[in-house]
Amino acid sequence: MQFRTARSDDPAGLAELIYLADLAHYPSSGYALSIGGTREHQLSQISKLVRAKAESPFHFSHFDVAEANGGSTIAACVAGFDKARTDPQMVPALLEIGWSSQEIEETGHRIAPIVDCVPEVPPGTWTIEHVATLPHYRGQGLARQLLERALNRGAALGYVKASLDVFIGNTKARALYAAAGFTHVCEFGHGPMRQYLGRDPVERMGRSLVGWYN
């Protein structure tokens, strides 16, 4: 197994893992609400966002990956980024991959109840997102090692704390984050998550990065 930063030729593998990260232990992906259409359509749109020039939260440059089978398979990934920099790039990225302004506006209305319940991330925070491993490669500690790489990258860039969100029912993921030093910050989405996604509310977890570098 090889660990490396993601490249621009990784979109298909990253898209599958990004989809799995959002799917978690639920029967359908949240991208059914935000993107719509079939699973294949959702993966296609995510893949385009991965390789777009606009560096949205899906951009390949934010990811560390584990590759297997001589590099032919991306087995796991973790993304780390500054939401203050990436979130404003979401609309430019969607326009770049062919979405119309009307489509973006309609999507914004659909997901507004979800977005509105998410607490703001304080300045100086390194956000961890898109944590996933292909089913065949689980249980090998890949997510743990990639999470460490992502936290190291944030610390090296001078970020003082890290933050991530996890669905309360995703006990395996929460155990991984707790083992990496993340602790409870708050909960949110008790109404909207169930109403619009049929999911559990979300727990925000955080940890300090001051003096932390492995």
N, C-alpha and C. Protein backbone atom coordinates (compact mmCIF):
# COMPACT_ATOMS: atom_id res chain seq x y z
N MET A 1 0.84 -1.20 0.00
CA MET A 1 0.00 0.00 0.00
C MET A 1 0.88 1.25 0.00
N GLN A 2 0.59 2.17 -0.88
CA GLN A 2 1.35 3.41 -0.99
C GLN A 2 0.46 4.58 -0.57
N PHE A 3 1.05 5.55 0.16
CA PHE A 3 0.33 6.75 0.57
C PHE A 3 0.94 7.94 -0.17
N ARG A 4 0.08 8.79 -0.67
CA ARG A 4 0.55 9.95 -1.44
C ARG A 4 -0.53 11.03 -1.47
N THR A 5 -0.14 12.22 -1.94
CA THR A 5 -1.13 13.25 -2.20
C THR A 5 -1.86 12.91 -3.50
N ALA A 6 -3.11 13.32 -3.60
CA ALA A 6 -3.90 13.02 -4.78
C ALA A 6 -3.41 13.82 -5.98
N ARG A 7 -3.75 13.31 -7.18
CA ARG A 7 -3.34 13.95 -8.42
C ARG A 7 -4.57 14.25 -9.28
N SER A 8 -4.35 15.04 -10.30
CA SER A 8 -5.45 15.42 -11.19
C SER A 8 -5.98 14.25 -12.00
N ASP A 9 -5.23 13.14 -12.07
CA ASP A 9 -5.71 11.97 -12.80
C ASP A 9 -6.42 10.96 -11.89
N ASP A 10 -6.83 11.39 -10.69
CA ASP A 10 -7.50 10.52 -9.73
C ASP A 10 -9.02 10.73 -9.63
N PRO A 11 -9.68 11.46 -10.52
CA PRO A 11 -11.06 11.86 -10.25
C PRO A 11 -12.04 10.71 -10.06
N ALA A 12 -11.94 9.66 -10.85
CA ALA A 12 -12.90 8.57 -10.74
C ALA A 12 -12.79 7.87 -9.40
N GLY A 13 -11.55 7.56 -9.00
CA GLY A 13 -11.35 6.89 -7.72
C GLY A 13 -11.75 7.77 -6.55
N LEU A 14 -11.42 9.05 -6.61
CA LEU A 14 -11.80 9.96 -5.54
C LEU A 14 -13.31 10.14 -5.49
N ALA A 15 -13.96 10.23 -6.64
CA ALA A 15 -15.41 10.40 -6.67
C ALA A 15 -16.12 9.25 -5.97
N GLU A 16 -15.67 8.03 -6.21
CA GLU A 16 -16.28 6.86 -5.56
C GLU A 16 -16.13 6.95 -4.05
N LEU A 17 -14.97 7.34 -3.58
CA LEU A 17 -14.72 7.43 -2.14
C LEU A 17 -15.48 8.61 -1.52
N ILE A 18 -15.54 9.73 -2.21
CA ILE A 18 -16.31 10.87 -1.71
C ILE A 18 -17.77 10.48 -1.56
N TYR A 19 -18.28 9.74 -2.53
CA TYR A 19 -19.66 9.25 -2.46
C TYR A 19 -19.84 8.33 -1.26
N LEU A 20 -18.91 7.40 -1.05
CA LEU A 20 -19.00 6.48 0.08
C LEU A 20 -18.91 7.21 1.42
N ALA A 21 -18.07 8.25 1.48
CA ALA A 21 -17.94 9.02 2.72
C ALA A 21 -19.27 9.65 3.10
N ASP A 22 -19.99 10.16 2.11
CA ASP A 22 -21.28 10.77 2.38
C ASP A 22 -22.35 9.71 2.64
N LEU A 23 -22.26 8.59 1.96
CA LEU A 23 -23.23 7.51 2.15
C LEU A 23 -23.19 6.99 3.57
N ALA A 24 -21.96 6.85 4.12
CA ALA A 24 -21.78 6.33 5.48
C ALA A 24 -22.52 5.00 5.62
N HIS A 25 -23.35 4.86 6.65
CA HIS A 25 -24.08 3.61 6.88
C HIS A 25 -25.55 3.71 6.47
N TYR A 26 -25.87 4.73 5.68
CA TYR A 26 -27.26 4.97 5.28
C TYR A 26 -27.55 4.33 3.92
N PRO A 27 -28.83 4.14 3.60
CA PRO A 27 -29.16 3.46 2.35
C PRO A 27 -29.02 4.32 1.10
N SER A 28 -29.00 5.64 1.26
CA SER A 28 -28.85 6.51 0.09
C SER A 28 -27.94 7.68 0.43
N SER A 29 -27.34 8.24 -0.60
CA SER A 29 -26.39 9.34 -0.42
C SER A 29 -27.11 10.68 -0.30
N GLY A 30 -26.51 11.59 0.44
CA GLY A 30 -27.02 12.95 0.50
C GLY A 30 -26.92 13.67 -0.83
N TYR A 31 -26.10 13.15 -1.75
CA TYR A 31 -25.99 13.76 -3.07
C TYR A 31 -27.27 13.57 -3.89
N ALA A 32 -28.14 12.65 -3.44
CA ALA A 32 -29.44 12.52 -4.09
C ALA A 32 -30.24 13.80 -3.93
N LEU A 33 -30.01 14.51 -2.83
CA LEU A 33 -30.69 15.79 -2.59
C LEU A 33 -29.97 16.94 -3.28
N SER A 34 -28.65 17.00 -3.14
CA SER A 34 -27.91 18.15 -3.66
C SER A 34 -27.66 18.09 -5.16
N ILE A 35 -27.39 16.90 -5.70
CA ILE A 35 -27.11 16.75 -7.13
C ILE A 35 -28.32 16.16 -7.85
N GLY A 36 -28.91 15.13 -7.27
CA GLY A 36 -30.06 14.48 -7.89
C GLY A 36 -29.65 13.48 -8.95
N GLY A 37 -30.65 12.83 -9.53
CA GLY A 37 -30.38 11.85 -10.57
C GLY A 37 -29.90 10.52 -10.02
N THR A 38 -29.36 9.71 -10.89
CA THR A 38 -28.89 8.38 -10.52
C THR A 38 -27.55 8.45 -9.79
N ARG A 39 -27.17 7.34 -9.20
CA ARG A 39 -25.85 7.24 -8.56
C ARG A 39 -24.75 7.56 -9.57
N GLU A 40 -24.89 7.03 -10.79
CA GLU A 40 -23.88 7.25 -11.82
C GLU A 40 -23.77 8.74 -12.16
N HIS A 41 -24.91 9.43 -12.22
CA HIS A 41 -24.88 10.87 -12.49
C HIS A 41 -24.19 11.62 -11.36
N GLN A 42 -24.51 11.26 -10.13
CA GLN A 42 -23.88 11.91 -8.98
C GLN A 42 -22.37 11.71 -9.01
N LEU A 43 -21.92 10.49 -9.29
CA LEU A 43 -20.48 10.21 -9.37
C LEU A 43 -19.82 11.01 -10.49
N SER A 44 -20.52 11.15 -11.61
CA SER A 44 -19.98 11.92 -12.73
C SER A 44 -19.77 13.37 -12.35
N GLN A 45 -20.74 13.97 -11.66
CA GLN A 45 -20.64 15.36 -11.25
C GLN A 45 -19.54 15.56 -10.21
N ILE A 46 -19.44 14.63 -9.26
CA ILE A 46 -18.39 14.72 -8.25
C ILE A 46 -17.01 14.62 -8.91
N SER A 47 -16.88 13.71 -9.87
CA SER A 47 -15.61 13.54 -10.59
C SER A 47 -15.21 14.82 -11.30
N LYS A 48 -16.17 15.50 -11.89
CA LYS A 48 -15.88 16.75 -12.56
C LYS A 48 -15.43 17.83 -11.57
N LEU A 49 -16.06 17.85 -10.39
CA LEU A 49 -15.66 18.82 -9.36
C LEU A 49 -14.26 18.54 -8.86
N VAL A 50 -13.90 17.27 -8.79
CA VAL A 50 -12.57 16.87 -8.32
C VAL A 50 -11.48 17.48 -9.20
N ARG A 51 -11.70 17.48 -10.51
CA ARG A 51 -10.65 17.95 -11.43
C ARG A 51 -10.88 19.36 -11.97
N ALA A 52 -11.92 20.04 -11.48
CA ALA A 52 -12.16 21.42 -11.91
C ALA A 52 -11.01 22.32 -11.49
N LYS A 53 -10.85 23.44 -12.17
CA LYS A 53 -9.80 24.39 -11.79
C LYS A 53 -10.14 25.10 -10.48
N ALA A 54 -11.41 25.43 -10.28
CA ALA A 54 -11.84 26.08 -9.03
C ALA A 54 -11.67 25.09 -7.87
N GLU A 55 -10.96 25.50 -6.83
CA GLU A 55 -10.60 24.58 -5.75
C GLU A 55 -11.68 24.55 -4.66
N SER A 56 -12.80 23.93 -5.00
CA SER A 56 -13.90 23.73 -4.06
C SER A 56 -13.50 22.66 -3.04
N PRO A 57 -14.37 22.35 -2.08
CA PRO A 57 -14.04 21.28 -1.11
C PRO A 57 -13.85 19.91 -1.74
N PHE A 58 -14.15 19.76 -3.03
CA PHE A 58 -13.99 18.48 -3.72
C PHE A 58 -12.68 18.39 -4.52
N HIS A 59 -11.93 19.46 -4.58
CA HIS A 59 -10.74 19.52 -5.45
C HIS A 59 -9.69 18.50 -5.01
N PHE A 60 -9.06 17.87 -6.00
CA PHE A 60 -8.10 16.80 -5.72
C PHE A 60 -6.93 17.24 -4.85
N SER A 61 -6.57 18.52 -4.90
CA SER A 61 -5.40 18.99 -4.17
C SER A 61 -5.56 18.92 -2.66
N HIS A 62 -6.78 18.74 -2.17
CA HIS A 62 -7.02 18.68 -0.72
C HIS A 62 -6.84 17.28 -0.15
N PHE A 63 -6.62 16.29 -1.01
CA PHE A 63 -6.71 14.89 -0.59
C PHE A 63 -5.35 14.20 -0.42
N ASP A 64 -5.31 13.32 0.56
CA ASP A 64 -4.28 12.29 0.65
C ASP A 64 -4.96 10.97 0.36
N VAL A 65 -4.26 10.08 -0.33
CA VAL A 65 -4.87 8.80 -0.72
C VAL A 65 -3.94 7.64 -0.41
N ALA A 66 -4.55 6.46 -0.29
CA ALA A 66 -3.81 5.21 -0.22
C ALA A 66 -4.11 4.45 -1.51
N GLU A 67 -3.08 4.04 -2.21
CA GLU A 67 -3.30 3.34 -3.47
C GLU A 67 -2.83 1.91 -3.37
N ALA A 68 -3.58 1.02 -4.00
CA ALA A 68 -3.29 -0.42 -3.98
C ALA A 68 -3.17 -0.93 -5.41
N ASN A 69 -2.79 -2.19 -5.53
CA ASN A 69 -2.69 -2.85 -6.84
C ASN A 69 -1.78 -2.09 -7.80
N GLY A 70 -0.62 -1.68 -7.27
CA GLY A 70 0.35 -0.99 -8.11
C GLY A 70 -0.10 0.37 -8.59
N GLY A 71 -1.03 0.97 -7.85
CA GLY A 71 -1.50 2.29 -8.20
C GLY A 71 -2.77 2.30 -9.01
N SER A 72 -3.31 1.14 -9.35
CA SER A 72 -4.52 1.09 -10.18
C SER A 72 -5.80 1.31 -9.38
N THR A 73 -5.70 1.21 -8.05
CA THR A 73 -6.89 1.38 -7.19
C THR A 73 -6.61 2.39 -6.10
N ILE A 74 -7.48 3.37 -5.94
CA ILE A 74 -7.41 4.28 -4.79
C ILE A 74 -8.28 3.66 -3.71
N ALA A 75 -7.65 3.13 -2.68
CA ALA A 75 -8.35 2.34 -1.67
C ALA A 75 -8.98 3.19 -0.57
N ALA A 76 -8.42 4.37 -0.31
CA ALA A 76 -8.92 5.20 0.78
C ALA A 76 -8.49 6.64 0.55
N CYS A 77 -9.20 7.57 1.18
CA CYS A 77 -8.84 8.98 1.06
C CYS A 77 -9.28 9.75 2.29
N VAL A 78 -8.63 10.88 2.51
CA VAL A 78 -9.01 11.87 3.51
C VAL A 78 -8.68 13.24 2.94
N ALA A 79 -9.59 14.20 3.11
CA ALA A 79 -9.34 15.56 2.66
C ALA A 79 -9.14 16.48 3.85
N GLY A 80 -8.26 17.46 3.68
CA GLY A 80 -8.06 18.50 4.69
C GLY A 80 -7.95 19.84 4.00
N PHE A 81 -8.72 20.84 4.48
CA PHE A 81 -8.71 22.15 3.81
C PHE A 81 -9.26 23.21 4.75
N ASP A 82 -9.16 24.44 4.30
CA ASP A 82 -9.69 25.60 5.01
C ASP A 82 -11.00 26.01 4.35
N LYS A 83 -12.11 25.83 5.06
CA LYS A 83 -13.43 26.12 4.47
C LYS A 83 -13.57 27.58 4.05
N ALA A 84 -12.88 28.48 4.73
CA ALA A 84 -12.96 29.88 4.36
C ALA A 84 -12.42 30.11 2.95
N ARG A 85 -11.52 29.23 2.51
CA ARG A 85 -10.96 29.33 1.17
C ARG A 85 -11.74 28.51 0.14
N THR A 86 -12.20 27.33 0.55
CA THR A 86 -12.81 26.42 -0.41
C THR A 86 -14.29 26.67 -0.65
N ASP A 87 -15.05 27.03 0.38
CA ASP A 87 -16.50 27.20 0.20
C ASP A 87 -16.85 28.25 -0.84
N PRO A 88 -16.14 29.40 -0.88
CA PRO A 88 -16.47 30.39 -1.93
C PRO A 88 -16.20 29.89 -3.35
N GLN A 89 -15.46 28.79 -3.48
CA GLN A 89 -15.15 28.25 -4.80
C GLN A 89 -16.19 27.26 -5.30
N MET A 90 -17.21 26.99 -4.49
CA MET A 90 -18.19 25.98 -4.87
C MET A 90 -19.01 26.42 -6.08
N VAL A 91 -19.52 27.63 -6.06
CA VAL A 91 -20.31 28.11 -7.20
C VAL A 91 -19.45 28.22 -8.46
N PRO A 92 -18.24 28.82 -8.40
CA PRO A 92 -17.41 28.83 -9.60
C PRO A 92 -17.12 27.43 -10.15
N ALA A 93 -16.94 26.46 -9.24
CA ALA A 93 -16.68 25.09 -9.69
C ALA A 93 -17.89 24.52 -10.41
N LEU A 94 -19.08 24.74 -9.87
CA LEU A 94 -20.29 24.23 -10.51
C LEU A 94 -20.52 24.88 -11.87
N LEU A 95 -20.30 26.19 -11.96
CA LEU A 95 -20.42 26.85 -13.26
C LEU A 95 -19.41 26.29 -14.25
N GLU A 96 -18.21 26.02 -13.75
CA GLU A 96 -17.14 25.51 -14.61
C GLU A 96 -17.49 24.15 -15.20
N ILE A 97 -18.17 23.31 -14.44
CA ILE A 97 -18.48 21.96 -14.94
C ILE A 97 -19.82 21.91 -15.68
N GLY A 98 -20.42 23.08 -15.92
CA GLY A 98 -21.58 23.11 -16.79
C GLY A 98 -22.93 23.35 -16.15
N TRP A 99 -22.96 23.60 -14.83
CA TRP A 99 -24.24 23.91 -14.21
C TRP A 99 -24.67 25.32 -14.59
N SER A 100 -25.97 25.52 -14.75
CA SER A 100 -26.49 26.86 -15.00
C SER A 100 -26.72 27.58 -13.68
N SER A 101 -26.83 28.89 -13.75
CA SER A 101 -27.11 29.67 -12.54
C SER A 101 -28.44 29.25 -11.92
N GLN A 102 -29.41 28.89 -12.76
CA GLN A 102 -30.71 28.46 -12.26
C GLN A 102 -30.58 27.13 -11.52
N GLU A 103 -29.82 26.20 -12.07
CA GLU A 103 -29.62 24.91 -11.40
C GLU A 103 -28.95 25.09 -10.04
N ILE A 104 -27.97 25.99 -9.98
CA ILE A 104 -27.28 26.25 -8.72
C ILE A 104 -28.24 26.87 -7.71
N GLU A 105 -29.07 27.80 -8.18
CA GLU A 105 -30.04 28.43 -7.29
C GLU A 105 -31.06 27.43 -6.77
N GLU A 106 -31.54 26.55 -7.64
CA GLU A 106 -32.51 25.55 -7.22
C GLU A 106 -31.91 24.58 -6.21
N THR A 107 -30.67 24.19 -6.44
CA THR A 107 -29.99 23.32 -5.48
C THR A 107 -29.83 24.01 -4.14
N GLY A 108 -29.48 25.30 -4.19
CA GLY A 108 -29.34 26.06 -2.96
C GLY A 108 -30.61 26.07 -2.15
N HIS A 109 -31.75 26.20 -2.82
CA HIS A 109 -33.03 26.18 -2.11
C HIS A 109 -33.29 24.81 -1.49
N ARG A 110 -32.95 23.74 -2.22
CA ARG A 110 -33.20 22.38 -1.71
C ARG A 110 -32.40 22.08 -0.45
N ILE A 111 -31.14 22.52 -0.45
CA ILE A 111 -30.27 22.15 0.67
C ILE A 111 -30.21 23.22 1.75
N ALA A 112 -30.92 24.33 1.56
CA ALA A 112 -30.87 25.44 2.52
C ALA A 112 -31.19 25.01 3.95
N PRO A 113 -32.21 24.17 4.18
CA PRO A 113 -32.49 23.78 5.57
C PRO A 113 -31.34 23.02 6.22
N ILE A 114 -30.58 22.30 5.41
CA ILE A 114 -29.41 21.59 5.94
C ILE A 114 -28.28 22.57 6.21
N VAL A 115 -27.98 23.40 5.21
CA VAL A 115 -26.88 24.35 5.33
C VAL A 115 -27.10 25.31 6.50
N ASP A 116 -28.34 25.73 6.68
CA ASP A 116 -28.63 26.73 7.72
C ASP A 116 -28.43 26.21 9.14
N CYS A 117 -28.47 24.90 9.32
CA CYS A 117 -28.33 24.36 10.67
C CYS A 117 -26.88 24.04 11.03
N VAL A 118 -25.96 24.17 10.06
CA VAL A 118 -24.56 23.82 10.30
C VAL A 118 -23.84 25.00 10.95
N PRO A 119 -23.22 24.80 12.11
CA PRO A 119 -22.50 25.91 12.76
C PRO A 119 -21.30 26.36 11.93
N GLU A 120 -20.98 27.63 12.02
CA GLU A 120 -19.81 28.15 11.31
C GLU A 120 -18.54 27.57 11.90
N VAL A 121 -17.55 27.42 11.05
CA VAL A 121 -16.23 26.96 11.49
C VAL A 121 -15.39 28.18 11.84
N PRO A 122 -14.83 28.25 13.04
CA PRO A 122 -14.04 29.42 13.44
C PRO A 122 -12.82 29.62 12.54
N PRO A 123 -12.39 30.87 12.34
CA PRO A 123 -11.18 31.12 11.56
C PRO A 123 -9.99 30.38 12.14
N GLY A 124 -9.08 29.99 11.27
CA GLY A 124 -7.89 29.28 11.71
C GLY A 124 -8.11 27.80 11.94
N THR A 125 -9.23 27.28 11.42
CA THR A 125 -9.56 25.87 11.62
C THR A 125 -9.27 25.06 10.36
N TRP A 126 -8.66 23.92 10.54
CA TRP A 126 -8.38 22.98 9.47
C TRP A 126 -9.51 21.96 9.45
N THR A 127 -10.27 21.90 8.36
CA THR A 127 -11.42 21.01 8.28
C THR A 127 -11.04 19.67 7.67
N ILE A 128 -11.45 18.60 8.32
CA ILE A 128 -11.26 17.24 7.81
C ILE A 128 -12.58 16.77 7.23
N GLU A 129 -12.54 16.22 6.01
CA GLU A 129 -13.77 15.80 5.34
C GLU A 129 -13.47 14.67 4.36
N HIS A 130 -14.52 14.05 3.83
CA HIS A 130 -14.39 13.01 2.80
C HIS A 130 -13.48 11.87 3.26
N VAL A 131 -13.76 11.33 4.44
CA VAL A 131 -12.97 10.22 4.97
C VAL A 131 -13.64 8.91 4.56
N ALA A 132 -12.96 8.10 3.76
CA ALA A 132 -13.59 6.86 3.28
C ALA A 132 -12.55 5.83 2.87
N THR A 133 -12.95 4.57 2.98
CA THR A 133 -12.14 3.43 2.53
C THR A 133 -13.04 2.48 1.75
N LEU A 134 -12.56 1.97 0.63
CA LEU A 134 -13.32 0.96 -0.10
C LEU A 134 -13.56 -0.26 0.79
N PRO A 135 -14.74 -0.89 0.70
CA PRO A 135 -15.07 -2.01 1.59
C PRO A 135 -14.00 -3.10 1.66
N HIS A 136 -13.40 -3.45 0.54
CA HIS A 136 -12.42 -4.54 0.52
C HIS A 136 -11.16 -4.22 1.33
N TYR A 137 -10.89 -2.94 1.56
CA TYR A 137 -9.64 -2.54 2.21
C TYR A 137 -9.84 -2.04 3.64
N ARG A 138 -11.04 -2.19 4.16
CA ARG A 138 -11.30 -1.73 5.52
C ARG A 138 -10.65 -2.65 6.55
N GLY A 139 -10.40 -2.09 7.73
CA GLY A 139 -9.78 -2.87 8.80
C GLY A 139 -8.27 -2.93 8.74
N GLN A 140 -7.65 -2.16 7.84
CA GLN A 140 -6.20 -2.16 7.70
C GLN A 140 -5.56 -0.87 8.24
N GLY A 141 -6.35 -0.01 8.82
CA GLY A 141 -5.80 1.23 9.38
C GLY A 141 -5.50 2.30 8.36
N LEU A 142 -6.06 2.20 7.15
CA LEU A 142 -5.75 3.18 6.11
C LEU A 142 -6.29 4.56 6.46
N ALA A 143 -7.55 4.60 6.92
CA ALA A 143 -8.13 5.90 7.27
C ALA A 143 -7.37 6.56 8.40
N ARG A 144 -6.91 5.77 9.36
CA ARG A 144 -6.14 6.31 10.48
C ARG A 144 -4.85 6.95 9.98
N GLN A 145 -4.14 6.28 9.10
CA GLN A 145 -2.88 6.81 8.59
C GLN A 145 -3.10 8.04 7.71
N LEU A 146 -4.16 8.01 6.91
CA LEU A 146 -4.44 9.17 6.07
C LEU A 146 -4.91 10.35 6.89
N LEU A 147 -5.66 10.08 7.95
CA LEU A 147 -6.09 11.16 8.85
C LEU A 147 -4.87 11.82 9.49
N GLU A 148 -3.90 11.03 9.87
CA GLU A 148 -2.67 11.58 10.45
C GLU A 148 -1.94 12.45 9.43
N ARG A 149 -1.88 12.00 8.18
CA ARG A 149 -1.24 12.80 7.13
C ARG A 149 -1.96 14.14 6.94
N ALA A 150 -3.29 14.09 6.93
CA ALA A 150 -4.06 15.32 6.73
C ALA A 150 -3.87 16.28 7.90
N LEU A 151 -3.82 15.76 9.12
CA LEU A 151 -3.61 16.61 10.29
C LEU A 151 -2.19 17.18 10.28
N ASN A 152 -1.23 16.39 9.89
CA ASN A 152 0.15 16.88 9.78
C ASN A 152 0.23 18.04 8.79
N ARG A 153 -0.50 17.89 7.67
CA ARG A 153 -0.48 18.94 6.65
C ARG A 153 -1.07 20.24 7.20
N GLY A 154 -2.17 20.13 7.92
CA GLY A 154 -2.78 21.31 8.51
C GLY A 154 -1.88 21.98 9.52
N ALA A 155 -1.24 21.16 10.38
CA ALA A 155 -0.34 21.71 11.39
C ALA A 155 0.86 22.39 10.74
N ALA A 156 1.40 21.78 9.68
CA ALA A 156 2.55 22.35 8.99
C ALA A 156 2.20 23.68 8.33
N LEU A 157 0.93 23.86 7.96
CA LEU A 157 0.49 25.10 7.34
C LEU A 157 0.15 26.18 8.37
N GLY A 158 0.23 25.83 9.65
CA GLY A 158 0.03 26.82 10.70
C GLY A 158 -1.37 26.88 11.30
N TYR A 159 -2.22 25.91 10.97
CA TYR A 159 -3.56 25.91 11.56
C TYR A 159 -3.49 25.47 13.02
N VAL A 160 -4.29 26.10 13.86
CA VAL A 160 -4.18 25.88 15.30
C VAL A 160 -5.16 24.84 15.81
N LYS A 161 -6.18 24.51 15.02
CA LYS A 161 -7.15 23.50 15.45
C LYS A 161 -7.74 22.82 14.23
N ALA A 162 -8.27 21.63 14.46
CA ALA A 162 -8.91 20.86 13.40
C ALA A 162 -10.33 20.55 13.81
N SER A 163 -11.19 20.41 12.80
CA SER A 163 -12.61 20.17 13.05
C SER A 163 -13.14 19.19 12.03
N LEU A 164 -14.13 18.39 12.44
CA LEU A 164 -14.81 17.49 11.52
C LEU A 164 -16.22 17.24 12.02
N ASP A 165 -17.08 16.79 11.12
CA ASP A 165 -18.46 16.46 11.46
C ASP A 165 -18.71 14.98 11.18
N VAL A 166 -19.47 14.34 12.07
CA VAL A 166 -19.77 12.92 11.91
C VAL A 166 -21.21 12.68 12.32
N PHE A 167 -21.93 11.87 11.54
CA PHE A 167 -23.28 11.52 11.92
C PHE A 167 -23.24 10.72 13.22
N ILE A 168 -24.13 11.05 14.13
CA ILE A 168 -24.10 10.44 15.46
C ILE A 168 -24.23 8.92 15.40
N GLY A 169 -24.94 8.41 14.42
CA GLY A 169 -25.08 6.97 14.30
C GLY A 169 -23.87 6.25 13.71
N ASN A 170 -22.88 7.01 13.23
CA ASN A 170 -21.70 6.41 12.60
C ASN A 170 -20.64 6.13 13.66
N THR A 171 -20.88 5.08 14.44
CA THR A 171 -20.04 4.81 15.62
C THR A 171 -18.61 4.43 15.25
N LYS A 172 -18.41 3.72 14.13
CA LYS A 172 -17.06 3.33 13.74
C LYS A 172 -16.22 4.55 13.40
N ALA A 173 -16.80 5.47 12.65
CA ALA A 173 -16.06 6.69 12.29
C ALA A 173 -15.76 7.50 13.53
N ARG A 174 -16.72 7.60 14.44
CA ARG A 174 -16.51 8.39 15.64
C ARG A 174 -15.37 7.80 16.48
N ALA A 175 -15.30 6.49 16.55
CA ALA A 175 -14.23 5.84 17.30
C ALA A 175 -12.87 6.17 16.69
N LEU A 176 -12.79 6.20 15.37
CA LEU A 176 -11.55 6.57 14.68
C LEU A 176 -11.14 7.99 15.06
N TYR A 177 -12.08 8.91 15.05
CA TYR A 177 -11.78 10.30 15.33
C TYR A 177 -11.40 10.50 16.81
N ALA A 178 -12.09 9.80 17.69
CA ALA A 178 -11.77 9.90 19.12
C ALA A 178 -10.36 9.39 19.38
N ALA A 179 -9.98 8.31 18.70
CA ALA A 179 -8.62 7.77 18.86
C ALA A 179 -7.57 8.73 18.35
N ALA A 180 -7.95 9.61 17.41
CA ALA A 180 -7.02 10.61 16.88
C ALA A 180 -7.02 11.89 17.70
N GLY A 181 -7.73 11.89 18.83
CA GLY A 181 -7.70 13.04 19.73
C GLY A 181 -8.84 14.01 19.58
N PHE A 182 -9.81 13.72 18.73
CA PHE A 182 -10.96 14.61 18.56
C PHE A 182 -11.95 14.40 19.70
N THR A 183 -12.54 15.49 20.17
CA THR A 183 -13.52 15.43 21.24
C THR A 183 -14.78 16.19 20.84
N HIS A 184 -15.84 15.96 21.57
CA HIS A 184 -17.15 16.55 21.28
C HIS A 184 -17.11 18.07 21.38
N VAL A 185 -17.70 18.74 20.40
CA VAL A 185 -17.86 20.20 20.43
C VAL A 185 -19.33 20.56 20.55
N CYS A 186 -20.17 20.02 19.67
CA CYS A 186 -21.60 20.33 19.69
C CYS A 186 -22.34 19.32 18.83
N GLU A 187 -23.67 19.38 18.87
CA GLU A 187 -24.53 18.61 17.98
C GLU A 187 -25.44 19.57 17.23
N PHE A 188 -25.84 19.17 16.02
CA PHE A 188 -26.75 20.02 15.24
C PHE A 188 -27.54 19.17 14.25
N GLY A 189 -28.58 19.78 13.73
CA GLY A 189 -29.36 19.14 12.68
C GLY A 189 -30.38 18.13 13.13
N HIS A 190 -30.81 18.18 14.38
CA HIS A 190 -31.74 17.16 14.88
C HIS A 190 -33.03 17.11 14.07
N GLY A 191 -33.56 18.25 13.66
CA GLY A 191 -34.77 18.26 12.86
C GLY A 191 -34.50 18.11 11.37
N PRO A 192 -33.71 19.02 10.79
CA PRO A 192 -33.48 19.00 9.34
C PRO A 192 -32.85 17.71 8.81
N MET A 193 -31.91 17.14 9.54
CA MET A 193 -31.26 15.92 9.05
C MET A 193 -32.26 14.79 8.90
N ARG A 194 -33.15 14.65 9.86
CA ARG A 194 -34.16 13.59 9.78
C ARG A 194 -35.21 13.92 8.72
N GLN A 195 -35.62 15.18 8.65
CA GLN A 195 -36.70 15.55 7.74
C GLN A 195 -36.28 15.47 6.27
N TYR A 196 -35.09 15.98 5.96
CA TYR A 196 -34.70 16.11 4.56
C TYR A 196 -33.79 14.98 4.07
N LEU A 197 -33.08 14.31 4.98
CA LEU A 197 -32.17 13.26 4.58
C LEU A 197 -32.47 11.90 5.21
N GLY A 198 -33.37 11.89 6.19
CA GLY A 198 -33.65 10.64 6.89
C GLY A 198 -32.46 10.13 7.67
N ARG A 199 -31.70 11.06 8.23
CA ARG A 199 -30.45 10.68 8.91
C ARG A 199 -30.42 11.18 10.35
N ASP A 200 -29.45 10.65 11.08
CA ASP A 200 -29.23 11.11 12.45
C ASP A 200 -28.70 12.53 12.44
N PRO A 201 -28.82 13.23 13.57
CA PRO A 201 -28.15 14.53 13.68
C PRO A 201 -26.63 14.36 13.63
N VAL A 202 -25.93 15.46 13.62
CA VAL A 202 -24.48 15.47 13.41
C VAL A 202 -23.77 15.95 14.66
N GLU A 203 -22.65 15.31 14.94
CA GLU A 203 -21.77 15.75 16.02
C GLU A 203 -20.55 16.43 15.41
N ARG A 204 -20.24 17.62 15.89
CA ARG A 204 -18.98 18.26 15.52
C ARG A 204 -17.93 17.91 16.56
N MET A 205 -16.76 17.52 16.06
CA MET A 205 -15.65 17.17 16.93
C MET A 205 -14.45 18.05 16.58
N GLY A 206 -13.60 18.32 17.55
CA GLY A 206 -12.44 19.16 17.28
C GLY A 206 -11.25 18.74 18.12
N ARG A 207 -10.10 19.23 17.71
CA ARG A 207 -8.87 19.00 18.48
C ARG A 207 -7.88 20.10 18.16
N SER A 208 -6.97 20.33 19.08
CA SER A 208 -5.91 21.32 18.89
C SER A 208 -4.82 20.75 17.98
N LEU A 209 -4.24 21.62 17.18
CA LEU A 209 -3.07 21.25 16.39
C LEU A 209 -1.81 21.95 16.86
N VAL A 210 -1.91 22.74 17.93
CA VAL A 210 -0.76 23.46 18.45
C VAL A 210 0.25 22.48 19.00
N GLY A 211 1.47 22.55 18.49
CA GLY A 211 2.52 21.66 18.95
C GLY A 211 2.35 20.21 18.54
N TRP A 212 1.44 19.97 17.60
CA TRP A 212 1.16 18.58 17.20
C TRP A 212 1.67 18.35 15.78
N TYR A 213 2.62 17.46 15.66
CA TYR A 213 3.14 17.11 14.33
C TYR A 213 3.83 15.77 14.45
N ASN A 214 3.31 14.76 13.74
CA ASN A 214 3.89 13.41 13.81
C ASN A 214 4.73 13.11 12.58
